[in-house]
N, C-alpha and C. Protein backbone atom coordinates (compact mmCIF):
# COMPACT_ATOMS: atom_id res chain seq x y z
N UNK A 1 -125.38 45.85 -7.58
CA UNK A 1 -125.25 45.55 -6.78
C UNK A 1 -123.64 45.88 -6.70
N UNK A 2 -123.09 46.90 -5.36
CA UNK A 2 -121.84 47.14 -5.18
C UNK A 2 -121.61 46.15 -3.86
N UNK A 3 -120.16 45.65 -4.11
CA UNK A 3 -119.90 44.35 -3.28
C UNK A 3 -119.55 45.58 -1.75
N UNK A 4 -119.88 44.75 -0.72
CA UNK A 4 -119.67 45.67 0.79
C UNK A 4 -117.85 45.61 0.62
N UNK A 5 -117.25 46.22 1.13
CA UNK A 5 -115.75 46.45 1.86
C UNK A 5 -115.48 45.66 2.30
N UNK A 6 -115.99 44.34 2.73
CA UNK A 6 -115.19 42.98 2.82
C UNK A 6 -115.64 42.24 2.17
N UNK A 7 -116.33 42.25 1.16
CA UNK A 7 -116.18 41.20 0.22
C UNK A 7 -115.11 41.65 -0.64
N UNK A 8 -114.68 40.30 -1.94
CA UNK A 8 -113.70 40.58 -2.46
C UNK A 8 -114.40 40.81 -4.03
N UNK A 9 -113.90 41.67 -4.75
CA UNK A 9 -114.98 41.70 -6.00
C UNK A 9 -114.63 40.56 -6.93
N UNK A 10 -115.70 39.97 -7.48
CA UNK A 10 -115.63 38.91 -8.17
C UNK A 10 -114.96 39.13 -9.57
N UNK A 11 -114.20 38.29 -9.87
CA UNK A 11 -113.59 38.00 -11.04
C UNK A 11 -114.22 37.02 -12.35
N UNK A 12 -113.81 37.57 -13.15
CA UNK A 12 -114.63 36.51 -14.38
C UNK A 12 -114.32 35.07 -14.79
N UNK A 13 -113.03 34.85 -13.72
CA UNK A 13 -113.21 33.36 -13.58
C UNK A 13 -113.56 32.60 -12.48
N UNK A 14 -114.09 33.59 -11.57
CA UNK A 14 -114.61 32.91 -10.56
C UNK A 14 -116.05 32.13 -10.61
N UNK A 15 -116.01 31.15 -9.77
CA UNK A 15 -117.35 30.11 -9.73
C UNK A 15 -118.26 29.99 -8.57
N UNK A 16 -119.46 30.41 -8.70
CA UNK A 16 -120.25 30.23 -7.78
C UNK A 16 -120.94 29.43 -7.77
N UNK A 17 -121.07 28.51 -6.48
CA UNK A 17 -121.94 27.32 -6.78
C UNK A 17 -123.39 27.95 -5.68
N UNK A 18 -124.19 27.22 -5.68
CA UNK A 18 -125.36 27.51 -5.32
C UNK A 18 -125.99 26.00 -4.75
N UNK A 19 -126.15 25.56 -3.63
CA UNK A 19 -126.69 24.62 -3.39
C UNK A 19 -128.55 24.72 -2.88
N UNK A 20 -128.95 24.00 -3.27
CA UNK A 20 -130.71 24.17 -2.93
C UNK A 20 -130.94 22.40 -3.01
N UNK A 21 -132.48 22.83 -2.20
CA UNK A 21 -132.62 21.22 -2.08
C UNK A 21 -133.56 21.23 -0.78
N UNK A 22 -133.92 20.42 -0.52
CA UNK A 22 -134.69 20.27 0.75
C UNK A 22 -134.05 19.50 1.86
N UNK A 23 -134.01 19.73 2.96
CA UNK A 23 -132.98 19.04 4.23
C UNK A 23 -133.65 17.46 4.13
N UNK A 24 -132.79 16.78 5.05
CA UNK A 24 -133.07 15.32 4.65
C UNK A 24 -134.26 14.75 5.94
N UNK A 25 -134.11 15.65 6.49
CA UNK A 25 -135.57 15.55 7.84
C UNK A 25 -136.76 15.66 7.34
N UNK A 26 -136.94 16.64 6.33
CA UNK A 26 -138.40 17.22 5.69
C UNK A 26 -138.81 16.06 5.32
N UNK A 27 -139.92 15.67 5.59
CA UNK A 27 -141.07 14.53 4.97
C UNK A 27 -142.22 15.46 4.22
N UNK A 28 -142.22 14.33 2.94
CA UNK A 28 -142.67 14.73 2.10
C UNK A 28 -144.20 14.61 2.25
N UNK A 29 -145.30 15.25 1.70
CA UNK A 29 -146.47 15.25 2.23
C UNK A 29 -147.22 13.50 1.32
N UNK A 30 -148.54 12.90 2.31
CA UNK A 30 -148.38 11.74 1.79
C UNK A 30 -148.93 11.80 0.07
N UNK A 31 -149.66 13.12 -0.03
CA UNK A 31 -150.39 13.00 -1.47
C UNK A 31 -149.24 13.01 -2.69
N UNK A 32 -147.74 14.04 -2.11
CA UNK A 32 -146.57 14.00 -2.97
C UNK A 32 -146.33 12.61 -3.14
N UNK A 33 -145.88 11.78 -1.96
CA UNK A 33 -145.31 10.67 -2.24
C UNK A 33 -146.20 9.38 -2.77
N UNK A 34 -147.71 9.74 -2.78
CA UNK A 34 -148.35 8.95 -3.60
C UNK A 34 -148.20 9.21 -4.94
N UNK A 35 -148.23 10.39 -5.35
CA UNK A 35 -148.30 10.81 -6.93
C UNK A 35 -146.91 10.09 -7.35
N UNK A 36 -145.71 10.22 -6.35
CA UNK A 36 -144.67 9.92 -7.09
C UNK A 36 -144.60 8.41 -6.97
N UNK A 37 -145.15 7.67 -6.32
CA UNK A 37 -144.99 6.08 -6.24
C UNK A 37 -146.24 5.89 -7.56
N UNK A 38 -147.06 6.70 -8.11
CA UNK A 38 -147.88 6.41 -9.08
C UNK A 38 -147.00 6.18 -10.25
N UNK A 39 -146.16 7.65 -10.60
CA UNK A 39 -145.51 7.87 -11.50
C UNK A 39 -144.43 6.96 -11.92
N UNK A 40 -143.59 6.41 -10.65
CA UNK A 40 -142.68 5.07 -10.77
C UNK A 40 -143.23 4.08 -11.08
N UNK A 41 -144.36 3.36 -10.57
CA UNK A 41 -145.57 2.08 -10.74
C UNK A 41 -145.66 2.42 -12.67
N UNK A 42 -146.01 3.41 -13.00
CA UNK A 42 -146.42 3.98 -14.35
C UNK A 42 -144.93 3.75 -15.20
N UNK A 43 -144.29 4.07 -15.08
CA UNK A 43 -142.67 3.86 -15.42
C UNK A 43 -142.82 2.80 -15.77
N UNK A 44 -142.25 1.73 -14.62
CA UNK A 44 -142.21 0.33 -14.46
C UNK A 44 -143.30 -0.09 -15.75
N UNK A 45 -144.12 0.01 -15.21
CA UNK A 45 -144.96 -0.81 -16.03
C UNK A 45 -144.69 -0.48 -17.82
N UNK A 46 -144.54 0.50 -18.08
CA UNK A 46 -144.50 1.40 -19.18
C UNK A 46 -143.12 0.19 -20.24
N UNK A 47 -142.13 0.51 -19.03
CA UNK A 47 -140.82 -0.36 -19.53
C UNK A 47 -141.15 -1.95 -19.77
N UNK A 48 -141.85 -2.37 -18.66
CA UNK A 48 -142.28 -3.81 -18.81
C UNK A 48 -143.21 -4.53 -20.42
N UNK A 49 -143.56 -3.32 -20.73
CA UNK A 49 -144.64 -3.26 -22.14
C UNK A 49 -143.52 -3.41 -23.18
N UNK A 50 -142.89 -2.23 -22.80
CA UNK A 50 -141.53 -2.19 -24.35
C UNK A 50 -141.12 -3.12 -24.26
N UNK A 51 -140.46 -4.09 -23.13
CA UNK A 51 -139.58 -4.94 -22.86
C UNK A 51 -140.17 -6.07 -23.93
N UNK A 52 -141.36 -5.99 -23.51
CA UNK A 52 -142.53 -7.52 -24.10
C UNK A 52 -142.85 -6.98 -25.31
N UNK A 53 -142.77 -6.01 -26.19
CA UNK A 53 -142.62 -5.71 -27.51
C UNK A 53 -141.57 -5.85 -27.84
N UNK A 54 -140.54 -5.70 -27.32
CA UNK A 54 -139.23 -5.92 -28.32
C UNK A 54 -138.93 -7.36 -28.12
N UNK A 55 -139.17 -8.22 -27.48
CA UNK A 55 -139.07 -9.50 -27.03
C UNK A 55 -140.31 -10.30 -28.38
N UNK A 56 -141.13 -9.82 -28.24
CA UNK A 56 -142.50 -9.85 -29.37
C UNK A 56 -141.63 -9.95 -30.84
N UNK A 57 -141.10 -8.94 -31.01
CA UNK A 57 -140.73 -8.35 -32.27
C UNK A 57 -139.43 -9.22 -33.07
N UNK A 58 -138.51 -9.58 -31.96
CA UNK A 58 -137.66 -10.45 -32.04
C UNK A 58 -137.70 -11.80 -32.56
N UNK A 59 -138.99 -11.95 -31.89
CA UNK A 59 -139.74 -13.60 -32.19
C UNK A 59 -140.29 -13.53 -33.60
N UNK A 60 -140.67 -12.34 -33.75
CA UNK A 60 -141.47 -12.44 -35.29
C UNK A 60 -140.25 -12.33 -36.34
N UNK A 61 -139.36 -11.73 -36.00
CA UNK A 61 -138.13 -12.18 -37.20
C UNK A 61 -137.77 -13.05 -36.67
N UNK A 62 -137.84 -13.84 -35.98
CA UNK A 62 -136.71 -15.03 -36.13
C UNK A 62 -137.84 -16.11 -36.34
N UNK A 63 -138.60 -15.93 -36.63
CA UNK A 63 -139.69 -17.19 -37.17
C UNK A 63 -139.76 -17.50 -38.50
N UNK A 64 -138.51 -16.29 -39.40
CA UNK A 64 -138.24 -16.48 -40.52
C UNK A 64 -136.93 -17.41 -40.64
N UNK A 65 -136.86 -18.57 -41.44
CA UNK A 65 -135.43 -19.26 -41.68
C UNK A 65 -134.53 -18.35 -42.14
N UNK A 66 -134.48 -17.24 -42.57
CA UNK A 66 -133.11 -16.61 -43.49
C UNK A 66 -132.69 -15.85 -42.54
N UNK A 67 -133.43 -15.37 -41.44
CA UNK A 67 -133.12 -14.33 -40.25
C UNK A 67 -132.58 -15.48 -39.05
N UNK A 68 -133.41 -16.45 -38.82
CA UNK A 68 -133.02 -17.28 -37.87
C UNK A 68 -131.44 -17.93 -38.20
N UNK A 69 -131.29 -18.04 -39.59
CA UNK A 69 -130.09 -18.41 -39.41
C UNK A 69 -128.83 -17.50 -39.78
N UNK A 70 -129.16 -16.12 -39.92
CA UNK A 70 -128.34 -14.99 -39.87
C UNK A 70 -127.93 -14.74 -38.49
N UNK A 71 -129.08 -15.25 -37.42
CA UNK A 71 -129.16 -14.98 -35.96
C UNK A 71 -127.70 -15.90 -35.31
N UNK A 72 -128.24 -17.17 -35.72
CA UNK A 72 -127.26 -18.40 -35.49
C UNK A 72 -126.05 -17.78 -35.73
N UNK A 73 -125.60 -17.49 -36.94
CA UNK A 73 -124.26 -16.88 -37.55
C UNK A 73 -123.97 -16.11 -36.60
N UNK A 74 -124.52 -15.04 -36.24
CA UNK A 74 -124.16 -13.94 -35.42
C UNK A 74 -123.98 -14.26 -34.16
N UNK A 75 -124.78 -15.18 -33.85
CA UNK A 75 -124.18 -15.79 -32.09
C UNK A 75 -122.78 -16.39 -32.25
N UNK A 76 -122.49 -17.24 -33.49
CA UNK A 76 -121.14 -18.06 -33.27
C UNK A 76 -120.24 -17.30 -33.27
N UNK A 77 -120.38 -16.35 -34.30
CA UNK A 77 -119.43 -15.31 -34.25
C UNK A 77 -118.93 -14.43 -32.92
N UNK A 78 -120.18 -14.08 -32.65
CA UNK A 78 -120.31 -13.20 -31.26
C UNK A 78 -119.49 -14.30 -29.96
N UNK A 79 -119.68 -15.49 -30.02
CA UNK A 79 -119.07 -16.31 -29.01
C UNK A 79 -117.37 -16.60 -29.75
N UNK A 80 -117.37 -16.78 -30.87
CA UNK A 80 -115.49 -16.44 -30.79
C UNK A 80 -114.99 -14.79 -30.47
N UNK A 81 -115.45 -14.08 -30.67
CA UNK A 81 -115.33 -12.82 -30.39
C UNK A 81 -115.25 -13.05 -28.61
N UNK A 82 -115.92 -13.49 -27.78
CA UNK A 82 -116.16 -13.21 -26.10
C UNK A 82 -114.85 -14.12 -26.15
N UNK A 83 -114.52 -15.54 -26.71
CA UNK A 83 -113.68 -16.18 -26.40
C UNK A 83 -112.13 -15.73 -26.50
N UNK A 84 -112.09 -15.06 -27.75
CA UNK A 84 -111.20 -14.20 -28.01
C UNK A 84 -110.40 -13.43 -26.76
N UNK A 85 -111.74 -12.40 -26.61
CA UNK A 85 -111.14 -11.41 -25.42
C UNK A 85 -111.12 -11.86 -24.13
N UNK A 86 -111.49 -13.35 -23.94
CA UNK A 86 -111.14 -13.40 -22.56
C UNK A 86 -109.74 -14.05 -22.64
N UNK A 87 -109.38 -14.45 -23.94
CA UNK A 87 -107.73 -14.82 -24.01
C UNK A 87 -106.74 -13.80 -23.68
N UNK A 88 -107.35 -12.31 -24.26
CA UNK A 88 -106.66 -11.46 -24.46
C UNK A 88 -106.54 -10.48 -22.62
N UNK A 89 -107.52 -11.01 -22.19
CA UNK A 89 -107.56 -10.29 -20.82
C UNK A 89 -106.58 -11.14 -19.84
N UNK A 90 -106.95 -12.52 -20.17
CA UNK A 90 -106.08 -13.31 -19.10
C UNK A 90 -104.30 -13.11 -19.78
N UNK A 91 -104.54 -12.87 -20.95
CA UNK A 91 -102.78 -12.65 -21.80
C UNK A 91 -102.40 -11.30 -20.55
N UNK A 92 -103.20 -10.17 -20.91
CA UNK A 92 -102.70 -8.91 -20.04
C UNK A 92 -102.44 -9.29 -18.71
N UNK A 93 -103.29 -10.10 -18.17
CA UNK A 93 -103.22 -10.34 -16.51
C UNK A 93 -101.73 -10.83 -16.66
N UNK A 94 -101.94 -12.01 -17.43
CA UNK A 94 -100.36 -12.77 -17.20
C UNK A 94 -98.99 -11.65 -17.34
N UNK A 95 -99.36 -11.32 -18.17
CA UNK A 95 -97.67 -10.26 -18.76
C UNK A 95 -97.83 -9.22 -17.71
N UNK A 96 -98.97 -8.67 -17.36
CA UNK A 96 -98.99 -7.48 -16.44
C UNK A 96 -98.82 -6.02 -17.56
N UNK A 97 -99.05 -6.58 -18.65
CA UNK A 97 -98.87 -5.43 -19.53
C UNK A 97 -100.41 -5.29 -20.72
N UNK A 98 -100.39 -4.27 -21.33
CA UNK A 98 -101.52 -3.63 -22.16
C UNK A 98 -101.32 -4.45 -23.46
N UNK A 99 -99.94 -4.89 -23.85
CA UNK A 99 -99.60 -5.57 -25.11
C UNK A 99 -99.63 -7.25 -25.09
N UNK A 100 -100.54 -7.26 -26.31
CA UNK A 100 -100.57 -9.33 -26.32
C UNK A 100 -99.80 -9.89 -27.52
N UNK A 101 -100.13 -10.65 -27.93
CA UNK A 101 -99.52 -11.30 -29.07
C UNK A 101 -100.03 -10.71 -30.12
N UNK A 102 -99.46 -10.41 -31.36
CA UNK A 102 -99.99 -9.91 -32.11
C UNK A 102 -100.83 -10.57 -33.14
N UNK A 103 -100.74 -11.64 -33.19
CA UNK A 103 -101.24 -12.72 -33.60
C UNK A 103 -102.67 -13.03 -33.18
N UNK A 104 -102.60 -12.69 -32.09
CA UNK A 104 -103.90 -13.01 -31.03
C UNK A 104 -104.83 -11.99 -32.01
N UNK A 105 -104.02 -10.38 -31.47
CA UNK A 105 -104.63 -9.16 -31.63
C UNK A 105 -105.12 -9.23 -33.20
N UNK A 106 -104.59 -10.08 -34.09
CA UNK A 106 -105.14 -10.13 -35.53
C UNK A 106 -106.44 -11.03 -35.54
N UNK A 107 -106.18 -11.98 -34.64
CA UNK A 107 -107.76 -13.07 -34.69
C UNK A 107 -108.41 -12.21 -34.32
N UNK A 108 -108.64 -11.36 -33.16
CA UNK A 108 -109.53 -10.41 -32.92
C UNK A 108 -110.38 -9.78 -33.54
N UNK A 109 -109.34 -8.96 -34.38
CA UNK A 109 -109.66 -7.82 -35.18
C UNK A 109 -110.43 -8.73 -35.86
N UNK A 110 -110.46 -9.85 -36.87
CA UNK A 110 -110.90 -10.36 -37.66
C UNK A 110 -111.99 -10.97 -37.46
N UNK A 111 -112.39 -11.60 -35.87
CA UNK A 111 -113.66 -11.97 -35.39
C UNK A 111 -114.67 -11.04 -35.07
N UNK A 112 -113.69 -10.03 -34.87
CA UNK A 112 -114.98 -8.52 -34.85
C UNK A 112 -115.47 -7.96 -36.29
N UNK A 113 -114.94 -8.31 -37.07
CA UNK A 113 -115.20 -8.18 -38.67
C UNK A 113 -116.48 -9.09 -38.67
N UNK A 114 -116.09 -10.44 -38.59
CA UNK A 114 -117.21 -11.52 -38.79
C UNK A 114 -118.19 -11.03 -38.20
N UNK A 115 -118.25 -10.60 -36.69
CA UNK A 115 -119.56 -9.85 -36.29
C UNK A 115 -119.61 -8.78 -36.85
N UNK A 116 -119.28 -7.99 -37.60
CA UNK A 116 -119.88 -6.87 -38.35
C UNK A 116 -120.68 -7.45 -39.59
N UNK A 117 -120.02 -8.45 -40.41
CA UNK A 117 -120.61 -8.98 -41.42
C UNK A 117 -121.81 -9.44 -41.20
N UNK A 118 -121.50 -10.38 -40.21
CA UNK A 118 -122.95 -11.25 -39.79
C UNK A 118 -124.35 -9.89 -39.03
N UNK A 119 -124.06 -8.99 -38.80
CA UNK A 119 -125.13 -8.21 -38.39
C UNK A 119 -125.34 -7.69 -39.46
N UNK A 120 -124.58 -7.00 -40.47
CA UNK A 120 -125.34 -7.03 -41.88
C UNK A 120 -126.10 -7.76 -42.72
N UNK A 121 -125.47 -9.13 -42.37
CA UNK A 121 -126.11 -10.25 -42.78
C UNK A 121 -127.62 -10.21 -42.28
N UNK A 122 -127.77 -10.29 -41.08
CA UNK A 122 -128.86 -10.36 -40.25
C UNK A 122 -130.26 -9.07 -40.40
N UNK A 123 -129.61 -8.01 -41.19
CA UNK A 123 -130.19 -6.43 -41.17
C UNK A 123 -130.54 -6.90 -43.14
N UNK A 124 -129.63 -7.58 -43.69
CA UNK A 124 -130.42 -7.70 -45.23
C UNK A 124 -131.10 -8.96 -45.09
N UNK A 125 -131.21 -9.79 -43.92
CA UNK A 125 -132.40 -10.56 -44.04
C UNK A 125 -133.51 -10.15 -43.55
N UNK A 126 -133.62 -9.17 -42.97
CA UNK A 126 -134.60 -8.67 -42.09
C UNK A 126 -135.32 -7.95 -43.02
N UNK A 127 -134.31 -6.93 -43.88
CA UNK A 127 -135.06 -6.35 -45.20
C UNK A 127 -135.98 -7.09 -46.22
N UNK A 128 -135.23 -8.23 -46.14
CA UNK A 128 -135.71 -8.92 -47.73
C UNK A 128 -137.09 -9.94 -46.85
N UNK A 129 -137.50 -9.95 -45.58
CA UNK A 129 -139.03 -10.51 -45.29
C UNK A 129 -139.17 -9.40 -44.59
N UNK A 130 -139.52 -8.31 -44.60
CA UNK A 130 -139.93 -7.31 -44.33
C UNK A 130 -141.54 -7.15 -44.56
N UNK A 131 -141.54 -6.90 -45.95
CA UNK A 131 -142.87 -6.94 -46.41
C UNK A 131 -143.86 -8.32 -46.01
N UNK A 132 -143.27 -9.45 -45.92
CA UNK A 132 -144.04 -10.41 -45.46
C UNK A 132 -144.24 -10.32 -44.13
N UNK A 133 -143.72 -9.87 -42.85
CA UNK A 133 -143.90 -9.61 -41.72
C UNK A 133 -144.79 -8.28 -41.01
N UNK A 134 -144.94 -7.81 -42.22
CA UNK A 134 -145.62 -6.14 -41.88
C UNK A 134 -147.01 -6.20 -40.98
N UNK A 135 -148.38 -7.46 -41.87
CA UNK A 135 -149.23 -7.61 -40.92
C UNK A 135 -149.03 -8.06 -39.29
N UNK A 136 -147.86 -8.88 -38.99
CA UNK A 136 -147.69 -9.06 -37.80
C UNK A 136 -147.11 -8.15 -36.95
N UNK A 137 -145.94 -7.48 -37.67
CA UNK A 137 -145.56 -5.97 -36.82
C UNK A 137 -146.84 -5.28 -36.63
N UNK A 138 -147.53 -4.87 -37.73
CA UNK A 138 -148.69 -4.23 -37.37
C UNK A 138 -149.34 -4.47 -35.79
N UNK A 139 -149.96 -6.05 -36.03
CA UNK A 139 -150.63 -6.41 -35.00
C UNK A 139 -150.29 -5.78 -33.90
N UNK A 140 -148.81 -6.42 -33.59
CA UNK A 140 -147.91 -6.09 -32.49
C UNK A 140 -147.97 -4.69 -31.92
N UNK A 141 -147.51 -3.84 -33.03
CA UNK A 141 -147.66 -2.81 -32.64
C UNK A 141 -148.76 -1.98 -32.25
N UNK A 142 -149.73 -2.28 -32.29
CA UNK A 142 -151.00 -1.94 -32.34
C UNK A 142 -151.72 -2.62 -31.02
N UNK A 143 -151.40 -3.81 -30.72
CA UNK A 143 -151.61 -4.22 -29.44
C UNK A 143 -150.49 -3.29 -28.19
N UNK A 144 -149.44 -3.13 -28.75
CA UNK A 144 -148.88 -2.02 -27.88
C UNK A 144 -149.10 -0.86 -27.25
N UNK A 145 -149.72 -0.38 -28.45
CA UNK A 145 -150.24 1.13 -28.27
C UNK A 145 -151.92 1.02 -27.39
N UNK A 146 -152.59 -0.21 -27.45
CA UNK A 146 -153.91 -0.17 -26.68
C UNK A 146 -153.14 -0.60 -25.76
N UNK A 147 -152.16 -0.97 -25.04
CA UNK A 147 -151.92 -2.07 -23.82
C UNK A 147 -151.38 -0.22 -23.20
N UNK A 148 -150.75 0.57 -23.88
CA UNK A 148 -150.19 1.66 -23.50
C UNK A 148 -151.18 2.58 -22.69
N UNK A 149 -152.36 2.73 -24.14
CA UNK A 149 -153.17 3.57 -23.39
C UNK A 149 -154.44 3.32 -22.04
N UNK A 150 -154.41 1.35 -22.06
CA UNK A 150 -155.12 1.09 -20.68
C UNK A 150 -154.40 1.43 -19.60
N UNK A 151 -153.06 1.84 -19.73
CA UNK A 151 -152.41 2.31 -18.38
C UNK A 151 -152.68 3.61 -18.15
């Protein structure tokens, strides 16, 4: 198609924007609105099921003493990091600069390293009891699948 004489010749770097959509005053038919509502409700139910499943899986892992101890150590390490981050924020606000005391920065780096090691310790503890928790995990997963099919 050749451009009209009053139109500019398109160049290789030109950008063409197309807008598509429905006018804001256009009303959805009731059938479409009902289907959208059903889809939204289904998604909400699936998300709730998944959140319950993840909570139950954490409870299964936490029921083993080694994992519970590792989780407690992780929470303590994370609390130290959170406290140091607050100190860094306060110092940045006070100084009006991004640079903070190097000692505080090194403490924060060490605390983040402790959190990283605590996470690895939790993963290792879960791996150690993985075989023992297999039956509980399988039962909970089967219950999740049954609940999903019910929806």
